[in-house]
C-alpha atoms as a PDB file:
ATOM      1  CA  MET A   1      59.509   8.180  16.963  1.00  0.00           C
ATOM      2  CA  THR A   2      59.020   5.135  19.171  1.00  0.00           C
ATOM      3  CA  TYR A   3      56.547   2.383  18.365  1.00  0.00           C
ATOM      4  CA  GLN A   4      55.003  -0.094  20.771  1.00  0.00           C
ATOM      5  CA  LEU A   5      55.892  -3.712  19.954  1.00  0.00           C
ATOM      6  CA  LEU A   6      53.337  -6.512  20.091  1.00  0.00           C
ATOM      7  CA  ILE A   7      54.252 -10.121  19.415  1.00  0.00           C
ATOM      8  CA  GLU A   8      51.933 -12.974  18.489  1.00  0.00           C
ATOM      9  CA  GLU A   9      52.069 -16.056  20.726  1.00  0.00           C
ATOM     10  CA  LYS A  10      53.378 -18.368  17.961  1.00  0.00           C
ATOM     11  CA  ALA A  11      56.185 -15.933  17.149  1.00  0.00           C
ATOM     12  CA  LEU A  12      57.091 -15.832  20.833  1.00  0.00           C
ATOM     13  CA  GLU A  13      57.082 -19.637  21.006  1.00  0.00           C
ATOM     14  CA  PHE A  14      59.477 -19.827  18.035  1.00  0.00           C
ATOM     15  CA  LEU A  15      61.738 -17.226  19.650  1.00  0.00           C
ATOM     16  CA  ARG A  16      61.808 -19.206  22.898  1.00  0.00           C
ATOM     17  CA  SER A  17      62.734 -22.377  21.010  1.00  0.00           C
ATOM     18  CA  LEU A  18      65.951 -20.874  19.620  1.00  0.00           C
ATOM     19  CA  PRO A  19      69.354 -21.422  21.211  1.00  0.00           C
ATOM     20  CA  GLU A  20      70.275 -18.607  23.616  1.00  0.00           C
ATOM     21  CA  LYS A  21      72.694 -16.785  21.284  1.00  0.00           C
ATOM     22  CA  SER A  22      70.237 -16.850  18.358  1.00  0.00           C
ATOM     23  CA  ARG A  23      67.352 -15.888  20.626  1.00  0.00           C
ATOM     24  CA  ARG A  24      69.272 -12.852  21.872  1.00  0.00           C
ATOM     25  CA  LEU A  25      70.185 -11.769  18.328  1.00  0.00           C
ATOM     26  CA  VAL A  26      66.625 -12.132  17.001  1.00  0.00           C
ATOM     27  CA  ALA A  27      65.146 -10.397  20.069  1.00  0.00           C
ATOM     28  CA  ASP A  28      67.558  -7.476  19.702  1.00  0.00           C
ATOM     29  CA  ARG A  29      66.663  -7.063  16.020  1.00  0.00           C
ATOM     30  CA  CYS A  30      62.949  -7.197  16.855  1.00  0.00           C
ATOM     31  CA  LEU A  31      63.432  -4.550  19.534  1.00  0.00           C
ATOM     32  CA  SER A  32      65.133  -2.304  16.959  1.00  0.00           C
ATOM     33  CA  LEU A  33      61.800  -2.140  15.107  1.00  0.00           C
ATOM     34  CA  ALA A  34      60.447   0.053  17.918  1.00  0.00           C
ATOM     35  CA  ASP A  35      62.786   2.847  16.847  1.00  0.00           C
ATOM     36  CA  ASP A  36      62.583   2.448  13.077  1.00  0.00           C
ATOM     37  CA  PRO A  37      60.344  -0.221  11.528  1.00  0.00           C
ATOM     38  CA  PHE A  38      60.333   1.096   7.970  1.00  0.00           C
ATOM     39  CA  PRO A  39      62.418  -0.286   5.084  1.00  0.00           C
ATOM     40  CA  GLY A  40      64.889   1.922   3.265  1.00  0.00           C
ATOM     41  CA  SER A  41      65.955   3.907   6.291  1.00  0.00           C
ATOM     42  CA  GLY A  42      69.595   2.898   6.271  1.00  0.00           C
ATOM     43  CA  SER A  43      69.105  -0.799   6.816  1.00  0.00           C
ATOM     44  CA  GLY A  44      68.852  -3.309   3.996  1.00  0.00           C
ATOM     45  CA  ASP A  45      67.459  -6.043   6.221  1.00  0.00           C
ATOM     46  CA  ARG A  46      63.857  -4.752   6.110  1.00  0.00           C
ATOM     47  CA  GLU A  47      61.525  -4.883   3.146  1.00  0.00           C
ATOM     48  CA  ALA A  48      57.905  -4.272   2.261  1.00  0.00           C
ATOM     49  CA  LEU A  49      56.209  -7.363   0.878  1.00  0.00           C
ATOM     50  CA  HIS A  50      53.756  -6.922  -1.951  1.00  0.00           C
ATOM     51  CA  LEU A  51      51.581 -10.002  -1.644  1.00  0.00           C
ATOM     52  CA  PRO A  52      47.991 -10.239  -2.855  1.00  0.00           C
ATOM     53  CA  GLY A  53      45.487  -9.827  -0.038  1.00  0.00           C
ATOM     54  CA  PHE A  54      47.994  -8.515   2.512  1.00  0.00           C
ATOM     55  CA  LYS A  55      48.216  -4.839   3.376  1.00  0.00           C
ATOM     56  CA  LYS A  56      51.346  -3.333   4.866  1.00  0.00           C
ATOM     57  CA  LEU A  57      53.207  -6.584   5.452  1.00  0.00           C
ATOM     58  CA  TYR A  58      56.931  -6.282   6.108  1.00  0.00           C
ATOM     59  CA  SER A  59      59.822  -8.641   6.702  1.00  0.00           C
ATOM     60  CA  LEU A  60      62.992  -8.315   8.719  1.00  0.00           C
ATOM     61  CA  HIS A  61      65.893 -10.628   7.915  1.00  0.00           C
ATOM     62  CA  VAL A  62      68.023 -11.580  10.895  1.00  0.00           C
ATOM     63  CA  GLY A  63      71.394 -12.852   9.791  1.00  0.00           C
ATOM     64  CA  ARG A  64      71.059 -15.757   7.406  1.00  0.00           C
ATOM     65  CA  SER A  65      68.854 -17.813   9.635  1.00  0.00           C
ATOM     66  CA  CYS A  66      65.548 -16.108  10.550  1.00  0.00           C
ATOM     67  CA  THR A  67      62.848 -13.905   9.083  1.00  0.00           C
ATOM     68  CA  VAL A  68      60.400 -11.808  11.089  1.00  0.00           C
ATOM     69  CA  PHE A  69      57.063 -10.866   9.516  1.00  0.00           C
ATOM     70  CA  TYR A  70      55.392  -7.765  10.907  1.00  0.00           C
ATOM     71  CA  ARG A  71      52.815  -5.020  10.336  1.00  0.00           C
ATOM     72  CA  ILE A  72      53.039  -1.344  11.142  1.00  0.00           C
ATOM     73  CA  SER A  73      50.059   0.625  12.397  1.00  0.00           C
ATOM     74  CA  ASP A  74      51.330   4.150  11.903  1.00  0.00           C
ATOM     75  CA  ASP A  75      48.145   5.703  13.317  1.00  0.00           C
ATOM     76  CA  GLU A  76      48.542   3.879  16.614  1.00  0.00           C
ATOM     77  CA  LYS A  77      52.372   3.736  16.589  1.00  0.00           C
ATOM     78  CA  VAL A  78      52.321  -0.055  16.934  1.00  0.00           C
ATOM     79  CA  VAL A  79      54.490  -2.725  15.310  1.00  0.00           C
ATOM     80  CA  SER A  80      52.867  -6.171  15.430  1.00  0.00           C
ATOM     81  CA  ILE A  81      55.242  -9.093  15.028  1.00  0.00           C
ATOM     82  CA  LEU A  82      53.132 -11.749  13.354  1.00  0.00           C
ATOM     83  CA  ALA A  83      55.621 -14.578  12.813  1.00  0.00           C
ATOM     84  CA  ILE A  84      59.259 -15.495  13.254  1.00  0.00           C
ATOM     85  CA  THR A  85      60.541 -18.394  11.212  1.00  0.00           C
ATOM     86  CA  THR A  86      63.577 -19.835   9.486  1.00  0.00           C
ATOM     87  CA  ILE A  87      64.644 -18.383   6.151  1.00  0.00           C
ATOM     88  CA  GLU A  88      63.722 -21.654   4.434  1.00  0.00           C
ATOM     89  CA  LYS A  89      60.197 -21.680   5.827  1.00  0.00           C
ATOM     90  CA  ALA A  90      59.803 -17.984   5.022  1.00  0.00           C
ATOM     91  CA  HIS A  91      60.530 -18.630   1.361  1.00  0.00           C
ATOM     92  CA  LYS A  92      57.931 -21.393   1.330  1.00  0.00           C
ATOM     93  CA  MET A  93      55.434 -19.055   3.006  1.00  0.00           C
ATOM     94  CA  TYR A  94      55.915 -16.460   0.266  1.00  0.00           C
ATOM     95  CA  GLY A  95      54.483 -18.982  -2.163  1.00  0.00           C
ATOM     96  CA  ARG A  96      51.451 -19.663   0.024  1.00  0.00           C
ATOM     97  CA  LEU A  97      50.685 -16.068   1.022  1.00  0.00           C
END
């Protein structure tokens, strides 16, 4: 089951700002969401976030440096990458979201 990937402009800007090796690693992990975006399917790096006011929000941890926030539209077979940020900023965002 393949999903189409969409990426928000700010997430793309963050990705472009990374050093080449990190950029390649994060991009590869994002691309893997097209094949299997759901948590619990053999990979412990994805999780569903249960935050007030947010439906179907997920995170993907890439190594120990980045977090990708995304949504899955199962009806349309689309994964929307909303944000890519550092782990530190992601933890701060959890408190604000």
